[in-house]
Amino acid sequence: MVAIPQVDIDNLPMGFGKYKGETPSNLLDIDPSYIVWMYENVQPIRCSRELYIDACSEVEENELEHVEYECHSKYYDMDESPWGEIDWNDNWRG
């Protein structure tokens, strides 16, 4: 009986797309949303389910950070607001 070697698909360079030549495991740090897209749309599957789950967690975490920043910038970092000019000495001029 011939043993079939196990292949770690997370460390195989990809032969397609904008990250051609990169490995899926490297993409976790570069662009986890690409791993999610690839796992859900490309056949045959090009990464492990474990890496996909890690990428989903990263994307979710990044989206939450983005929402916090977006809310912060929307209400605190603007020079102008829809309610009138902001005077940083707490004097509102509408």
N, C-alpha and C. Protein backbone atom coordinates (compact mmCIF):
# COMPACT_ATOMS: atom_id res chain seq x y z
N MET A 1 0.84 -1.18 0.00
CA MET A 1 0.00 0.00 0.00
C MET A 1 0.90 1.25 0.00
N VAL A 2 0.57 2.20 -0.83
CA VAL A 2 1.33 3.44 -0.95
C VAL A 2 0.67 4.51 -0.07
N ALA A 3 1.46 5.14 0.74
CA ALA A 3 0.94 6.21 1.60
C ALA A 3 0.81 7.49 0.79
N ILE A 4 -0.33 8.11 0.93
CA ILE A 4 -0.58 9.39 0.26
C ILE A 4 -0.17 10.50 1.22
N PRO A 5 0.75 11.35 0.80
CA PRO A 5 1.20 12.41 1.71
C PRO A 5 0.10 13.43 1.98
N GLN A 6 0.06 13.89 3.21
CA GLN A 6 -0.89 14.94 3.57
C GLN A 6 -0.39 16.26 2.99
N VAL A 7 -1.28 17.04 2.46
CA VAL A 7 -0.93 18.34 1.89
C VAL A 7 -1.55 19.42 2.77
N ASP A 8 -0.73 20.35 3.18
CA ASP A 8 -1.21 21.48 3.98
C ASP A 8 -1.62 22.59 3.02
N ILE A 9 -2.90 22.62 2.66
CA ILE A 9 -3.35 23.57 1.65
C ILE A 9 -3.21 25.03 2.10
N ASP A 10 -3.11 25.24 3.42
CA ASP A 10 -2.94 26.62 3.90
C ASP A 10 -1.56 27.19 3.58
N ASN A 11 -0.62 26.31 3.24
CA ASN A 11 0.74 26.76 2.94
C ASN A 11 1.15 26.55 1.49
N LEU A 12 0.16 26.29 0.63
CA LEU A 12 0.42 26.17 -0.81
C LEU A 12 0.20 27.52 -1.48
N PRO A 13 1.18 28.01 -2.24
CA PRO A 13 0.98 29.28 -2.95
C PRO A 13 -0.21 29.18 -3.92
N MET A 14 -0.99 30.25 -3.94
CA MET A 14 -2.15 30.27 -4.82
C MET A 14 -1.70 30.63 -6.23
N GLY A 15 -2.37 30.03 -7.19
CA GLY A 15 -2.02 30.26 -8.59
C GLY A 15 -2.99 31.15 -9.31
N PHE A 16 -3.76 31.94 -8.59
CA PHE A 16 -4.77 32.79 -9.22
C PHE A 16 -5.00 34.03 -8.37
N GLY A 17 -5.70 34.97 -8.96
CA GLY A 17 -6.21 36.13 -8.23
C GLY A 17 -5.18 37.19 -7.89
N LYS A 18 -5.65 38.19 -7.17
CA LYS A 18 -4.79 39.31 -6.85
C LYS A 18 -3.69 38.96 -5.86
N TYR A 19 -3.80 37.82 -5.20
CA TYR A 19 -2.76 37.37 -4.28
C TYR A 19 -2.03 36.15 -4.81
N LYS A 20 -1.94 36.06 -6.12
CA LYS A 20 -1.23 34.95 -6.75
C LYS A 20 0.19 34.86 -6.18
N GLY A 21 0.58 33.64 -5.76
CA GLY A 21 1.90 33.43 -5.19
C GLY A 21 1.92 33.47 -3.67
N GLU A 22 0.90 34.08 -3.06
CA GLU A 22 0.79 34.11 -1.60
C GLU A 22 0.15 32.82 -1.11
N THR A 23 0.42 32.46 0.12
CA THR A 23 -0.25 31.30 0.72
C THR A 23 -1.46 31.79 1.50
N PRO A 24 -2.49 30.96 1.60
CA PRO A 24 -3.65 31.35 2.39
C PRO A 24 -3.29 31.73 3.82
N SER A 25 -2.33 31.02 4.43
CA SER A 25 -1.97 31.35 5.81
C SER A 25 -1.36 32.75 5.91
N ASN A 26 -0.62 33.20 4.89
CA ASN A 26 -0.10 34.57 4.89
C ASN A 26 -1.21 35.60 4.74
N LEU A 27 -2.26 35.24 4.03
CA LEU A 27 -3.37 36.17 3.80
C LEU A 27 -4.14 36.49 5.07
N LEU A 28 -4.04 35.64 6.06
CA LEU A 28 -4.74 35.91 7.32
C LEU A 28 -4.29 37.25 7.89
N ASP A 29 -3.01 37.58 7.73
CA ASP A 29 -2.50 38.87 8.20
C ASP A 29 -2.69 39.99 7.19
N ILE A 30 -2.68 39.64 5.91
CA ILE A 30 -2.76 40.64 4.85
C ILE A 30 -4.20 41.07 4.57
N ASP A 31 -5.07 40.10 4.33
CA ASP A 31 -6.45 40.40 3.92
C ASP A 31 -7.36 39.22 4.26
N PRO A 32 -7.77 39.10 5.53
CA PRO A 32 -8.61 37.96 5.92
C PRO A 32 -9.94 37.90 5.17
N SER A 33 -10.44 39.04 4.71
CA SER A 33 -11.71 39.02 3.97
C SER A 33 -11.56 38.27 2.64
N TYR A 34 -10.36 38.27 2.07
CA TYR A 34 -10.12 37.52 0.83
C TYR A 34 -10.22 36.02 1.10
N ILE A 35 -9.74 35.56 2.25
CA ILE A 35 -9.86 34.15 2.61
C ILE A 35 -11.33 33.76 2.72
N VAL A 36 -12.11 34.62 3.37
CA VAL A 36 -13.55 34.34 3.52
C VAL A 36 -14.20 34.26 2.14
N TRP A 37 -13.92 35.24 1.28
CA TRP A 37 -14.49 35.23 -0.07
C TRP A 37 -14.06 33.98 -0.83
N MET A 38 -12.78 33.67 -0.76
CA MET A 38 -12.25 32.53 -1.50
C MET A 38 -12.89 31.22 -1.03
N TYR A 39 -13.00 31.03 0.28
CA TYR A 39 -13.57 29.79 0.82
C TYR A 39 -15.02 29.63 0.38
N GLU A 40 -15.75 30.75 0.33
CA GLU A 40 -17.17 30.70 0.01
C GLU A 40 -17.46 30.69 -1.49
N ASN A 41 -16.48 31.04 -2.33
CA ASN A 41 -16.77 31.20 -3.76
C ASN A 41 -15.90 30.40 -4.72
N VAL A 42 -14.75 29.92 -4.30
CA VAL A 42 -13.82 29.26 -5.22
C VAL A 42 -13.85 27.75 -4.98
N GLN A 43 -13.98 27.01 -6.08
CA GLN A 43 -13.94 25.55 -6.01
C GLN A 43 -12.80 25.05 -6.87
N PRO A 44 -12.02 24.09 -6.47
CA PRO A 44 -12.07 23.44 -5.17
C PRO A 44 -11.60 24.39 -4.07
N ILE A 45 -11.98 24.09 -2.83
CA ILE A 45 -11.63 24.92 -1.68
C ILE A 45 -10.12 25.02 -1.58
N ARG A 46 -9.62 26.23 -1.37
CA ARG A 46 -8.18 26.51 -1.39
C ARG A 46 -7.56 26.72 -0.01
N CYS A 47 -8.36 26.55 1.08
CA CYS A 47 -7.80 26.67 2.43
C CYS A 47 -8.60 25.79 3.38
N SER A 48 -8.04 25.57 4.54
CA SER A 48 -8.70 24.71 5.52
C SER A 48 -9.89 25.41 6.17
N ARG A 49 -10.78 24.62 6.69
CA ARG A 49 -11.92 25.17 7.42
C ARG A 49 -11.45 25.97 8.64
N GLU A 50 -10.39 25.51 9.28
CA GLU A 50 -9.85 26.21 10.46
C GLU A 50 -9.37 27.61 10.10
N LEU A 51 -8.67 27.73 8.97
CA LEU A 51 -8.20 29.03 8.53
C LEU A 51 -9.38 29.93 8.16
N TYR A 52 -10.39 29.35 7.52
CA TYR A 52 -11.60 30.09 7.19
C TYR A 52 -12.26 30.65 8.44
N ILE A 53 -12.38 29.82 9.47
CA ILE A 53 -13.00 30.27 10.74
C ILE A 53 -12.17 31.38 11.37
N ASP A 54 -10.85 31.23 11.36
CA ASP A 54 -9.98 32.30 11.88
C ASP A 54 -10.16 33.59 11.10
N ALA A 55 -10.26 33.47 9.78
CA ALA A 55 -10.44 34.65 8.93
C ALA A 55 -11.78 35.32 9.21
N CYS A 56 -12.83 34.53 9.39
CA CYS A 56 -14.14 35.09 9.73
C CYS A 56 -14.07 35.89 11.03
N SER A 57 -13.37 35.35 12.01
CA SER A 57 -13.21 36.04 13.29
C SER A 57 -12.46 37.36 13.11
N GLU A 58 -11.39 37.33 12.30
CA GLU A 58 -10.61 38.55 12.03
C GLU A 58 -11.47 39.61 11.34
N VAL A 59 -12.24 39.19 10.35
CA VAL A 59 -13.08 40.12 9.61
C VAL A 59 -14.11 40.74 10.55
N GLU A 60 -14.72 39.91 11.37
CA GLU A 60 -15.73 40.40 12.31
C GLU A 60 -15.10 41.39 13.29
N GLU A 61 -13.93 41.07 13.81
CA GLU A 61 -13.23 41.96 14.73
C GLU A 61 -12.85 43.27 14.06
N ASN A 62 -12.36 43.20 12.82
CA ASN A 62 -11.99 44.41 12.08
C ASN A 62 -13.20 45.28 11.79
N GLU A 63 -14.33 44.67 11.50
CA GLU A 63 -15.54 45.44 11.23
C GLU A 63 -15.99 46.17 12.49
N LEU A 64 -15.89 45.53 13.65
CA LEU A 64 -16.26 46.18 14.90
C LEU A 64 -15.34 47.35 15.19
N GLU A 65 -14.03 47.19 14.96
CA GLU A 65 -13.10 48.29 15.16
C GLU A 65 -13.42 49.43 14.21
N HIS A 66 -13.77 49.11 12.96
CA HIS A 66 -14.10 50.13 11.97
C HIS A 66 -15.35 50.89 12.40
N VAL A 67 -16.35 50.19 12.91
CA VAL A 67 -17.59 50.84 13.34
C VAL A 67 -17.30 51.77 14.51
N GLU A 68 -16.48 51.35 15.48
CA GLU A 68 -16.12 52.21 16.60
C GLU A 68 -15.43 53.47 16.09
N TYR A 69 -14.48 53.30 15.16
CA TYR A 69 -13.76 54.45 14.62
C TYR A 69 -14.71 55.35 13.85
N GLU A 70 -15.58 54.74 13.07
CA GLU A 70 -16.51 55.51 12.27
C GLU A 70 -17.41 56.34 13.17
N CYS A 71 -17.93 55.74 14.25
CA CYS A 71 -18.79 56.47 15.18
C CYS A 71 -17.99 57.57 15.87
N HIS A 72 -16.78 57.25 16.27
CA HIS A 72 -15.94 58.24 16.93
C HIS A 72 -15.70 59.42 16.01
N SER A 73 -15.30 59.14 14.77
CA SER A 73 -15.00 60.23 13.86
C SER A 73 -16.26 61.00 13.48
N LYS A 74 -17.37 60.33 13.41
CA LYS A 74 -18.61 60.99 13.03
C LYS A 74 -19.03 62.02 14.06
N TYR A 75 -18.84 61.71 15.33
CA TYR A 75 -19.36 62.59 16.36
C TYR A 75 -18.30 63.42 17.08
N TYR A 76 -17.04 63.05 16.98
CA TYR A 76 -16.03 63.76 17.76
C TYR A 76 -14.93 64.40 16.94
N ASP A 77 -14.65 63.90 15.77
CA ASP A 77 -13.51 64.39 15.02
C ASP A 77 -13.89 65.34 13.88
N MET A 78 -15.14 65.67 13.76
CA MET A 78 -15.57 66.52 12.65
C MET A 78 -15.41 68.00 12.99
N ASP A 79 -15.01 68.79 12.04
CA ASP A 79 -14.96 70.23 12.22
C ASP A 79 -16.34 70.83 12.00
N GLU A 80 -17.15 70.15 11.19
CA GLU A 80 -18.52 70.59 10.95
C GLU A 80 -19.46 69.46 11.30
N SER A 81 -20.64 69.79 11.74
CA SER A 81 -21.62 68.77 12.05
C SER A 81 -22.96 69.17 11.44
N PRO A 82 -23.88 68.23 11.31
CA PRO A 82 -25.18 68.59 10.76
C PRO A 82 -25.98 69.48 11.70
N TRP A 83 -25.54 69.64 12.95
CA TRP A 83 -26.26 70.45 13.93
C TRP A 83 -25.72 71.86 14.02
N GLY A 84 -24.73 72.19 13.23
CA GLY A 84 -24.14 73.51 13.26
C GLY A 84 -22.65 73.42 13.49
N GLU A 85 -22.01 74.57 13.59
CA GLU A 85 -20.56 74.59 13.78
C GLU A 85 -20.22 74.17 15.21
N ILE A 86 -19.18 73.38 15.35
CA ILE A 86 -18.76 72.93 16.67
C ILE A 86 -17.68 73.86 17.18
N ASP A 87 -17.93 74.43 18.34
CA ASP A 87 -16.93 75.21 19.05
C ASP A 87 -16.41 74.32 20.14
N TRP A 88 -15.14 73.98 20.12
CA TRP A 88 -14.60 73.00 21.07
C TRP A 88 -14.62 73.50 22.50
N ASN A 89 -15.09 74.73 22.74
CA ASN A 89 -15.25 75.24 24.10
C ASN A 89 -16.70 75.05 24.55
N ASP A 90 -17.40 74.13 23.92
CA ASP A 90 -18.78 73.77 24.25
C ASP A 90 -19.78 74.90 23.98
N ASN A 91 -19.47 75.80 23.08
CA ASN A 91 -20.44 76.83 22.68
C ASN A 91 -20.98 76.43 21.31
N TRP A 92 -22.25 76.10 21.25
CA TRP A 92 -22.87 75.65 20.00
C TRP A 92 -23.41 76.85 19.26
N ARG A 93 -23.10 76.90 17.97
CA ARG A 93 -23.63 77.98 17.13
C ARG A 93 -24.38 77.34 15.97
N GLY A 94 -25.69 77.39 15.99
CA GLY A 94 -26.51 76.74 14.99
C GLY A 94 -26.86 77.61 13.84
